[in-house]
Amino acid sequence: MSKVKQVAVLLVVFFVALLLISFIAGSLINLLVPPSQAVYSDKVVEDIGGDNALIATFKSCAKVSDQSIPDGNFITNLGQNLGWKNAKNISYVDTYGEKGFIIVWKDSPQNYPSISNNSGVSYISDVVSSMDGRCFLVHYPEKNAVYGIIVSTDNIDYSESELLYDILGLNRSEFTLTYAQTGSSSSTYYSGGSSHYHTVVPDRYTLSRTDPGAYYDHYEYGDNYAIDDYLESEGYD
């Protein structure tokens, strides 16, 4: 073999080896060093419970970590004291480098009697008041399980509509919102429905401060001077 061919072969071998080294090094970096931000094509997909019953998809986001966490409790805006068991905490970043996390779990319906005492699908959709986040829990009788997710809204804000319909891909006609938009985009009111546990309304004082529009929907205006004075100071008349 001529020296020219030998040099050409060596160059090809060197180039292939360089590609392999670059690929291995890149893979190790991705494993050992978490991404600082996502690209548009990234997405985080989590099959909650691992049985295709409820799947969360975060588009244009990259996973940073995935770990089991101890059992815990949280309180919703409407005063429900709930908990998670055998849960995972998954952290991620978006295309702006903002960090977020979700908590997901699958548990026995016995631990959630408020949404598992009937034969149909029941669910809770609410704001988490004990942390900056939104929660969704659903009981699927055919799976004999309750599936739950908490999405942090501390750095990356998600509306209830985005959580239910964009992230979880639920049917709008089957899963109605607890909090719905009315009038301007900045005002909300409590809507709910008669067939789901998430229709529970808190006491008047709490509701007047967390959702004045809902206060008007559910209680007669003008029967509590302390609340009236507060609402008027906030621009409601």
C-alpha atoms as a PDB file:
ATOM      1  CA  MET A   1       0.000   0.000   0.000  1.00  0.00           C
ATOM      2  CA  SER A   2       1.392   3.366  -0.947  1.00  0.00           C
ATOM      3  CA  LYS A   3       2.160   5.970   1.665  1.00  0.00           C
ATOM      4  CA  VAL A   4      -0.650   8.156   0.311  1.00  0.00           C
ATOM      5  CA  LYS A   5      -3.232   5.416   0.882  1.00  0.00           C
ATOM      6  CA  GLN A   6      -1.824   4.688   4.334  1.00  0.00           C
ATOM      7  CA  VAL A   7      -2.139   8.356   5.277  1.00  0.00           C
ATOM      8  CA  ALA A   8      -5.694   8.461   3.887  1.00  0.00           C
ATOM      9  CA  VAL A   9      -6.694   5.366   5.904  1.00  0.00           C
ATOM     10  CA  LEU A  10      -5.151   6.839   9.049  1.00  0.00           C
ATOM     11  CA  LEU A  11      -7.034  10.088   8.505  1.00  0.00           C
ATOM     12  CA  VAL A  12     -10.334   8.218   8.077  1.00  0.00           C
ATOM     13  CA  VAL A  13      -9.662   6.145  11.207  1.00  0.00           C
ATOM     14  CA  PHE A  14      -8.730   9.297  13.122  1.00  0.00           C
ATOM     15  CA  PHE A  15     -11.886  11.079  11.945  1.00  0.00           C
ATOM     16  CA  VAL A  16     -14.149   8.145  12.940  1.00  0.00           C
ATOM     17  CA  ALA A  17     -12.418   7.883  16.313  1.00  0.00           C
ATOM     18  CA  LEU A  18     -12.878  11.621  16.853  1.00  0.00           C
ATOM     19  CA  LEU A  19     -16.601  11.337  16.106  1.00  0.00           C
ATOM     20  CA  LEU A  20     -16.958   8.431  18.548  1.00  0.00           C
ATOM     21  CA  ILE A  21     -15.070  10.308  21.253  1.00  0.00           C
ATOM     22  CA  SER A  22     -17.202  13.411  20.699  1.00  0.00           C
ATOM     23  CA  PHE A  23     -20.415  11.369  20.866  1.00  0.00           C
ATOM     24  CA  ILE A  24     -19.367   9.589  24.067  1.00  0.00           C
ATOM     25  CA  ALA A  25     -18.172  12.827  25.652  1.00  0.00           C
ATOM     26  CA  GLY A  26     -21.424  14.573  24.721  1.00  0.00           C
ATOM     27  CA  SER A  27     -23.483  11.740  26.168  1.00  0.00           C
ATOM     28  CA  LEU A  28     -21.508  11.825  29.417  1.00  0.00           C
ATOM     29  CA  ILE A  29     -21.905  15.590  29.657  1.00  0.00           C
ATOM     30  CA  ASN A  30     -25.670  15.282  29.150  1.00  0.00           C
ATOM     31  CA  LEU A  31     -25.823  12.669  31.896  1.00  0.00           C
ATOM     32  CA  LEU A  32     -23.547  14.394  34.402  1.00  0.00           C
ATOM     33  CA  VAL A  33     -24.240  18.071  33.683  1.00  0.00           C
ATOM     34  CA  PRO A  34     -27.921  19.134  33.651  1.00  0.00           C
ATOM     35  CA  PRO A  35     -29.050  21.348  30.761  1.00  0.00           C
ATOM     36  CA  SER A  36     -29.099  25.069  31.459  1.00  0.00           C
ATOM     37  CA  GLN A  37     -31.989  25.645  29.060  1.00  0.00           C
ATOM     38  CA  ALA A  38     -34.138  23.748  26.586  1.00  0.00           C
ATOM     39  CA  VAL A  39     -34.486  24.077  22.842  1.00  0.00           C
ATOM     40  CA  TYR A  40     -37.806  24.377  21.037  1.00  0.00           C
ATOM     41  CA  SER A  41     -37.861  20.699  19.998  1.00  0.00           C
ATOM     42  CA  ASP A  42     -37.284  19.391  23.548  1.00  0.00           C
ATOM     43  CA  LYS A  43     -40.108  17.973  25.603  1.00  0.00           C
ATOM     44  CA  VAL A  44     -40.599  16.249  28.940  1.00  0.00           C
ATOM     45  CA  VAL A  45     -43.098  13.378  28.863  1.00  0.00           C
ATOM     46  CA  GLU A  46     -44.175  11.673  32.084  1.00  0.00           C
ATOM     47  CA  ASP A  47     -46.548   8.694  32.132  1.00  0.00           C
ATOM     48  CA  ILE A  48     -48.013   9.153  35.603  1.00  0.00           C
ATOM     49  CA  GLY A  49     -48.455   5.686  37.072  1.00  0.00           C
ATOM     50  CA  GLY A  50     -46.841   4.029  34.064  1.00  0.00           C
ATOM     51  CA  ASP A  51     -50.100   2.708  32.603  1.00  0.00           C
ATOM     52  CA  ASN A  52     -51.045   5.387  30.021  1.00  0.00           C
ATOM     53  CA  ALA A  53     -54.001   6.567  32.097  1.00  0.00           C
ATOM     54  CA  LEU A  54     -52.689  10.105  32.614  1.00  0.00           C
ATOM     55  CA  ILE A  55     -49.701  11.499  30.707  1.00  0.00           C
ATOM     56  CA  ALA A  56     -48.116  14.914  31.247  1.00  0.00           C
ATOM     57  CA  THR A  57     -46.240  16.541  28.366  1.00  0.00           C
ATOM     58  CA  PHE A  58     -44.219  19.725  28.748  1.00  0.00           C
ATOM     59  CA  LYS A  59     -43.250  21.032  25.322  1.00  0.00           C
ATOM     60  CA  SER A  60     -40.037  23.007  24.758  1.00  0.00           C
ATOM     61  CA  CYS A  61     -38.722  21.833  28.124  1.00  0.00           C
ATOM     62  CA  ALA A  62     -35.735  19.641  29.081  1.00  0.00           C
ATOM     63  CA  LYS A  63     -35.555  17.328  32.080  1.00  0.00           C
ATOM     64  CA  VAL A  64     -32.942  18.142  34.717  1.00  0.00           C
ATOM     65  CA  SER A  65     -33.587  15.520  37.398  1.00  0.00           C
ATOM     66  CA  ASP A  66     -36.015  12.771  38.368  1.00  0.00           C
ATOM     67  CA  GLN A  67     -36.128  11.425  41.917  1.00  0.00           C
ATOM     68  CA  SER A  68     -38.424   9.761  44.427  1.00  0.00           C
ATOM     69  CA  ILE A  69     -39.539  11.904  47.363  1.00  0.00           C
ATOM     70  CA  PRO A  70     -41.045  11.149  50.804  1.00  0.00           C
ATOM     71  CA  ASP A  71     -44.811  11.160  51.309  1.00  0.00           C
ATOM     72  CA  GLY A  72     -46.176  14.648  51.903  1.00  0.00           C
ATOM     73  CA  ASN A  73     -49.228  16.867  52.227  1.00  0.00           C
ATOM     74  CA  PHE A  74     -50.452  20.089  50.672  1.00  0.00           C
ATOM     75  CA  ILE A  75     -53.392  22.453  51.063  1.00  0.00           C
ATOM     76  CA  THR A  76     -55.423  23.801  48.167  1.00  0.00           C
ATOM     77  CA  ASN A  77     -56.905  27.252  47.704  1.00  0.00           C
ATOM     78  CA  LEU A  78     -60.361  25.884  48.486  1.00  0.00           C
ATOM     79  CA  GLY A  79     -59.188  24.457  51.804  1.00  0.00           C
ATOM     80  CA  GLN A  80     -58.702  20.799  50.906  1.00  0.00           C
ATOM     81  CA  ASN A  81     -55.921  19.009  52.796  1.00  0.00           C
ATOM     82  CA  LEU A  82     -54.499  16.442  50.389  1.00  0.00           C
ATOM     83  CA  GLY A  83     -51.362  14.352  50.116  1.00  0.00           C
ATOM     84  CA  TRP A  84     -49.080  12.381  47.827  1.00  0.00           C
ATOM     85  CA  LYS A  85     -47.597   8.913  48.307  1.00  0.00           C
ATOM     86  CA  ASN A  86     -44.868   7.074  46.384  1.00  0.00           C
ATOM     87  CA  ALA A  87     -44.298  10.284  44.431  1.00  0.00           C
ATOM     88  CA  LYS A  88     -41.575  11.566  42.128  1.00  0.00           C
ATOM     89  CA  ASN A  89     -40.214  15.077  41.832  1.00  0.00           C
ATOM     90  CA  ILE A  90     -39.199  15.940  38.263  1.00  0.00           C
ATOM     91  CA  SER A  91     -37.346  19.201  37.623  1.00  0.00           C
ATOM     92  CA  TYR A  92     -36.926  20.802  34.202  1.00  0.00           C
ATOM     93  CA  VAL A  93     -35.927  23.994  32.402  1.00  0.00           C
ATOM     94  CA  ASP A  94     -37.658  25.858  29.588  1.00  0.00           C
ATOM     95  CA  THR A  95     -36.172  27.646  26.577  1.00  0.00           C
ATOM     96  CA  TYR A  96     -35.520  30.759  28.685  1.00  0.00           C
ATOM     97  CA  GLY A  97     -33.566  28.778  31.267  1.00  0.00           C
ATOM     98  CA  GLU A  98     -36.326  29.136  33.863  1.00  0.00           C
ATOM     99  CA  LYS A  99     -36.503  26.192  36.263  1.00  0.00           C
ATOM    100  CA  GLY A 100     -39.684  24.374  37.233  1.00  0.00           C
ATOM    101  CA  PHE A 101     -40.713  21.135  38.876  1.00  0.00           C
ATOM    102  CA  ILE A 102     -43.638  18.744  39.029  1.00  0.00           C
ATOM    103  CA  ILE A 103     -44.679  16.164  41.602  1.00  0.00           C
ATOM    104  CA  VAL A 104     -46.495  13.110  40.225  1.00  0.00           C
ATOM    105  CA  TRP A 105     -47.950  10.037  41.881  1.00  0.00           C
ATOM    106  CA  LYS A 106     -50.403   7.148  41.635  1.00  0.00           C
ATOM    107  CA  ASP A 107     -52.171   5.923  44.756  1.00  0.00           C
ATOM    108  CA  SER A 108     -55.036   3.855  46.130  1.00  0.00           C
ATOM    109  CA  PRO A 109     -58.527   5.413  45.964  1.00  0.00           C
ATOM    110  CA  GLN A 110     -58.918   4.590  49.665  1.00  0.00           C
ATOM    111  CA  ASN A 111     -56.623   7.507  50.446  1.00  0.00           C
ATOM    112  CA  TYR A 112     -58.865   9.950  48.539  1.00  0.00           C
ATOM    113  CA  PRO A 113     -62.456   9.182  49.621  1.00  0.00           C
ATOM    114  CA  SER A 114     -63.686  12.607  48.481  1.00  0.00           C
ATOM    115  CA  ILE A 115     -63.264  11.694  44.800  1.00  0.00           C
ATOM    116  CA  SER A 116     -63.551   7.900  44.906  1.00  0.00           C
ATOM    117  CA  ASN A 117     -66.924   7.335  46.556  1.00  0.00           C
ATOM    118  CA  ASN A 118     -68.852   7.075  43.296  1.00  0.00           C
ATOM    119  CA  SER A 119     -68.667   4.876  40.229  1.00  0.00           C
ATOM    120  CA  GLY A 120     -67.772   7.635  37.770  1.00  0.00           C
ATOM    121  CA  VAL A 121     -64.618   9.602  37.068  1.00  0.00           C
ATOM    122  CA  SER A 122     -64.131  12.338  39.686  1.00  0.00           C
ATOM    123  CA  TYR A 123     -61.392  14.907  39.955  1.00  0.00           C
ATOM    124  CA  ILE A 124     -59.950  17.875  41.825  1.00  0.00           C
ATOM    125  CA  SER A 125     -58.454  20.856  40.020  1.00  0.00           C
ATOM    126  CA  ASP A 126     -57.221  23.681  42.206  1.00  0.00           C
ATOM    127  CA  VAL A 127     -54.488  26.112  43.155  1.00  0.00           C
ATOM    128  CA  VAL A 128     -52.045  24.893  45.803  1.00  0.00           C
ATOM    129  CA  SER A 129     -51.953  27.505  48.548  1.00  0.00           C
ATOM    130  CA  SER A 130     -49.191  25.836  50.573  1.00  0.00           C
ATOM    131  CA  MET A 131     -46.789  26.398  47.651  1.00  0.00           C
ATOM    132  CA  ASP A 132     -46.814  28.253  44.332  1.00  0.00           C
ATOM    133  CA  GLY A 133     -48.472  25.665  42.133  1.00  0.00           C
ATOM    134  CA  ARG A 134     -51.518  23.998  40.617  1.00  0.00           C
ATOM    135  CA  CYS A 135     -52.754  20.496  41.305  1.00  0.00           C
ATOM    136  CA  PHE A 136     -54.897  17.973  39.494  1.00  0.00           C
ATOM    137  CA  LEU A 137     -56.065  14.654  40.947  1.00  0.00           C
ATOM    138  CA  VAL A 138     -58.355  12.230  39.140  1.00  0.00           C
ATOM    139  CA  HIS A 139     -59.937   8.929  40.097  1.00  0.00           C
ATOM    140  CA  TYR A 140     -60.312   6.410  37.279  1.00  0.00           C
ATOM    141  CA  PRO A 141     -62.553   3.581  38.565  1.00  0.00           C
ATOM    142  CA  GLU A 142     -61.507   1.215  35.761  1.00  0.00           C
ATOM    143  CA  LYS A 143     -57.888   1.553  36.930  1.00  0.00           C
ATOM    144  CA  ASN A 144     -58.849   1.443  40.619  1.00  0.00           C
ATOM    145  CA  ALA A 145     -56.402   4.279  41.215  1.00  0.00           C
ATOM    146  CA  VAL A 146     -56.046   8.002  41.808  1.00  0.00           C
ATOM    147  CA  TYR A 147     -53.475   9.906  39.743  1.00  0.00           C
ATOM    148  CA  GLY A 148     -52.058  13.211  40.916  1.00  0.00           C
ATOM    149  CA  ILE A 149     -49.837  15.996  39.632  1.00  0.00           C
ATOM    150  CA  ILE A 150     -48.650  19.268  41.137  1.00  0.00           C
ATOM    151  CA  VAL A 151     -47.082  21.782  38.770  1.00  0.00           C
ATOM    152  CA  SER A 152     -44.959  24.514  40.300  1.00  0.00           C
ATOM    153  CA  THR A 153     -45.831  27.995  39.043  1.00  0.00           C
ATOM    154  CA  ASP A 154     -43.093  29.798  40.969  1.00  0.00           C
ATOM    155  CA  ASN A 155     -40.826  30.477  37.972  1.00  0.00           C
ATOM    156  CA  ILE A 156     -42.886  29.139  35.040  1.00  0.00           C
ATOM    157  CA  ASP A 157     -46.543  30.116  35.155  1.00  0.00           C
ATOM    158  CA  TYR A 158     -49.238  27.704  33.937  1.00  0.00           C
ATOM    159  CA  SER A 159     -52.950  28.421  33.947  1.00  0.00           C
ATOM    160  CA  GLU A 160     -55.504  25.800  34.934  1.00  0.00           C
ATOM    161  CA  SER A 161     -56.529  25.538  31.286  1.00  0.00           C
ATOM    162  CA  GLU A 162     -52.928  24.933  30.183  1.00  0.00           C
ATOM    163  CA  LEU A 163     -52.481  22.217  32.818  1.00  0.00           C
ATOM    164  CA  LEU A 164     -55.672  20.315  31.995  1.00  0.00           C
ATOM    165  CA  TYR A 165     -55.841  20.688  28.231  1.00  0.00           C
ATOM    166  CA  ASP A 166     -52.301  21.353  26.981  1.00  0.00           C
ATOM    167  CA  ILE A 167     -50.133  19.453  29.462  1.00  0.00           C
ATOM    168  CA  LEU A 168     -52.493  16.597  30.371  1.00  0.00           C
ATOM    169  CA  GLY A 169     -54.429  16.549  27.085  1.00  0.00           C
ATOM    170  CA  LEU A 170     -57.829  16.140  28.742  1.00  0.00           C
ATOM    171  CA  ASN A 171     -61.156  16.546  26.956  1.00  0.00           C
ATOM    172  CA  ARG A 172     -62.641  20.011  27.489  1.00  0.00           C
ATOM    173  CA  SER A 173     -66.216  18.709  27.486  1.00  0.00           C
ATOM    174  CA  GLU A 174     -65.479  16.078  30.144  1.00  0.00           C
ATOM    175  CA  PHE A 175     -63.179  18.080  32.416  1.00  0.00           C
ATOM    176  CA  THR A 176     -64.472  21.573  33.154  1.00  0.00           C
ATOM    177  CA  LEU A 177     -62.386  24.270  34.817  1.00  0.00           C
ATOM    178  CA  THR A 178     -62.695  25.218  38.452  1.00  0.00           C
ATOM    179  CA  TYR A 179     -61.496  28.745  37.685  1.00  0.00           C
ATOM    180  CA  ALA A 180     -62.682  30.297  34.425  1.00  0.00           C
ATOM    181  CA  GLN A 181     -61.906  33.553  32.650  1.00  0.00           C
ATOM    182  CA  THR A 182     -64.551  36.255  32.544  1.00  0.00           C
ATOM    183  CA  GLY A 183     -64.444  39.732  31.016  1.00  0.00           C
ATOM    184  CA  SER A 184     -60.821  40.873  30.993  1.00  0.00           C
ATOM    185  CA  SER A 185     -57.981  38.381  30.923  1.00  0.00           C
ATOM    186  CA  SER A 186     -56.857  39.479  34.388  1.00  0.00           C
ATOM    187  CA  SER A 187     -60.075  38.623  36.228  1.00  0.00           C
ATOM    188  CA  THR A 188     -61.266  35.140  37.133  1.00  0.00           C
ATOM    189  CA  TYR A 189     -64.296  33.624  38.781  1.00  0.00           C
ATOM    190  CA  TYR A 190     -65.042  30.296  40.430  1.00  0.00           C
ATOM    191  CA  SER A 191     -67.165  28.117  38.184  1.00  0.00           C
ATOM    192  CA  GLY A 192     -66.935  24.396  38.932  1.00  0.00           C
ATOM    193  CA  GLY A 193     -69.883  22.077  38.432  1.00  0.00           C
ATOM    194  CA  SER A 194     -72.232  19.938  40.463  1.00  0.00           C
ATOM    195  CA  SER A 195     -70.683  16.550  39.722  1.00  0.00           C
ATOM    196  CA  HIS A 196     -67.093  17.056  40.882  1.00  0.00           C
ATOM    197  CA  TYR A 197     -65.463  17.487  44.270  1.00  0.00           C
ATOM    198  CA  HIS A 198     -63.645  20.565  43.022  1.00  0.00           C
ATOM    199  CA  THR A 199     -66.886  22.527  43.324  1.00  0.00           C
ATOM    200  CA  VAL A 200     -66.444  22.980  47.089  1.00  0.00           C
ATOM    201  CA  VAL A 201     -66.545  26.694  47.947  1.00  0.00           C
ATOM    202  CA  PRO A 202     -64.626  28.054  50.976  1.00  0.00           C
ATOM    203  CA  ASP A 203     -66.009  30.381  53.641  1.00  0.00           C
ATOM    204  CA  ARG A 204     -67.084  33.882  52.647  1.00  0.00           C
ATOM    205  CA  TYR A 205     -64.113  35.698  54.169  1.00  0.00           C
ATOM    206  CA  THR A 206     -61.533  33.484  52.379  1.00  0.00           C
ATOM    207  CA  LEU A 207     -63.389  33.559  49.073  1.00  0.00           C
ATOM    208  CA  SER A 208     -63.746  37.355  49.117  1.00  0.00           C
ATOM    209  CA  ARG A 209     -59.964  37.684  49.339  1.00  0.00           C
ATOM    210  CA  THR A 210     -58.876  34.875  47.028  1.00  0.00           C
ATOM    211  CA  ASP A 211     -61.547  35.268  44.347  1.00  0.00           C
ATOM    212  CA  PRO A 212     -63.859  38.318  44.661  1.00  0.00           C
ATOM    213  CA  GLY A 213     -65.709  37.405  41.466  1.00  0.00           C
ATOM    214  CA  ALA A 214     -66.646  34.048  42.939  1.00  0.00           C
ATOM    215  CA  TYR A 215     -67.839  35.779  46.097  1.00  0.00           C
ATOM    216  CA  TYR A 216     -70.363  37.689  44.029  1.00  0.00           C
ATOM    217  CA  ASP A 217     -71.432  34.482  42.289  1.00  0.00           C
ATOM    218  CA  HIS A 218     -72.063  32.514  45.460  1.00  0.00           C
ATOM    219  CA  TYR A 219     -73.079  35.030  48.127  1.00  0.00           C
ATOM    220  CA  GLU A 220     -75.417  37.972  48.316  1.00  0.00           C
ATOM    221  CA  TYR A 221     -73.553  41.251  48.230  1.00  0.00           C
ATOM    222  CA  GLY A 222     -74.209  43.705  51.082  1.00  0.00           C
ATOM    223  CA  ASP A 223     -74.675  41.388  54.062  1.00  0.00           C
ATOM    224  CA  ASN A 224     -71.209  41.648  55.659  1.00  0.00           C
ATOM    225  CA  TYR A 225     -69.795  45.118  56.237  1.00  0.00           C
ATOM    226  CA  ALA A 226     -66.223  43.936  56.875  1.00  0.00           C
ATOM    227  CA  ILE A 227     -66.151  42.076  53.558  1.00  0.00           C
ATOM    228  CA  ASP A 228     -67.990  44.919  51.799  1.00  0.00           C
ATOM    229  CA  ASP A 229     -65.419  47.455  52.976  1.00  0.00           C
ATOM    230  CA  TYR A 230     -62.549  45.212  51.854  1.00  0.00           C
ATOM    231  CA  LEU A 231     -64.034  44.638  48.387  1.00  0.00           C
ATOM    232  CA  GLU A 232     -64.703  48.342  47.938  1.00  0.00           C
ATOM    233  CA  SER A 233     -61.088  49.115  48.907  1.00  0.00           C
ATOM    234  CA  GLU A 234     -60.012  46.702  46.170  1.00  0.00           C
ATOM    235  CA  GLY A 235     -62.090  48.514  43.564  1.00  0.00           C
ATOM    236  CA  TYR A 236     -65.215  46.313  43.613  1.00  0.00           C
ATOM    237  CA  ASP A 237     -68.526  48.099  43.932  1.00  0.00           C
END
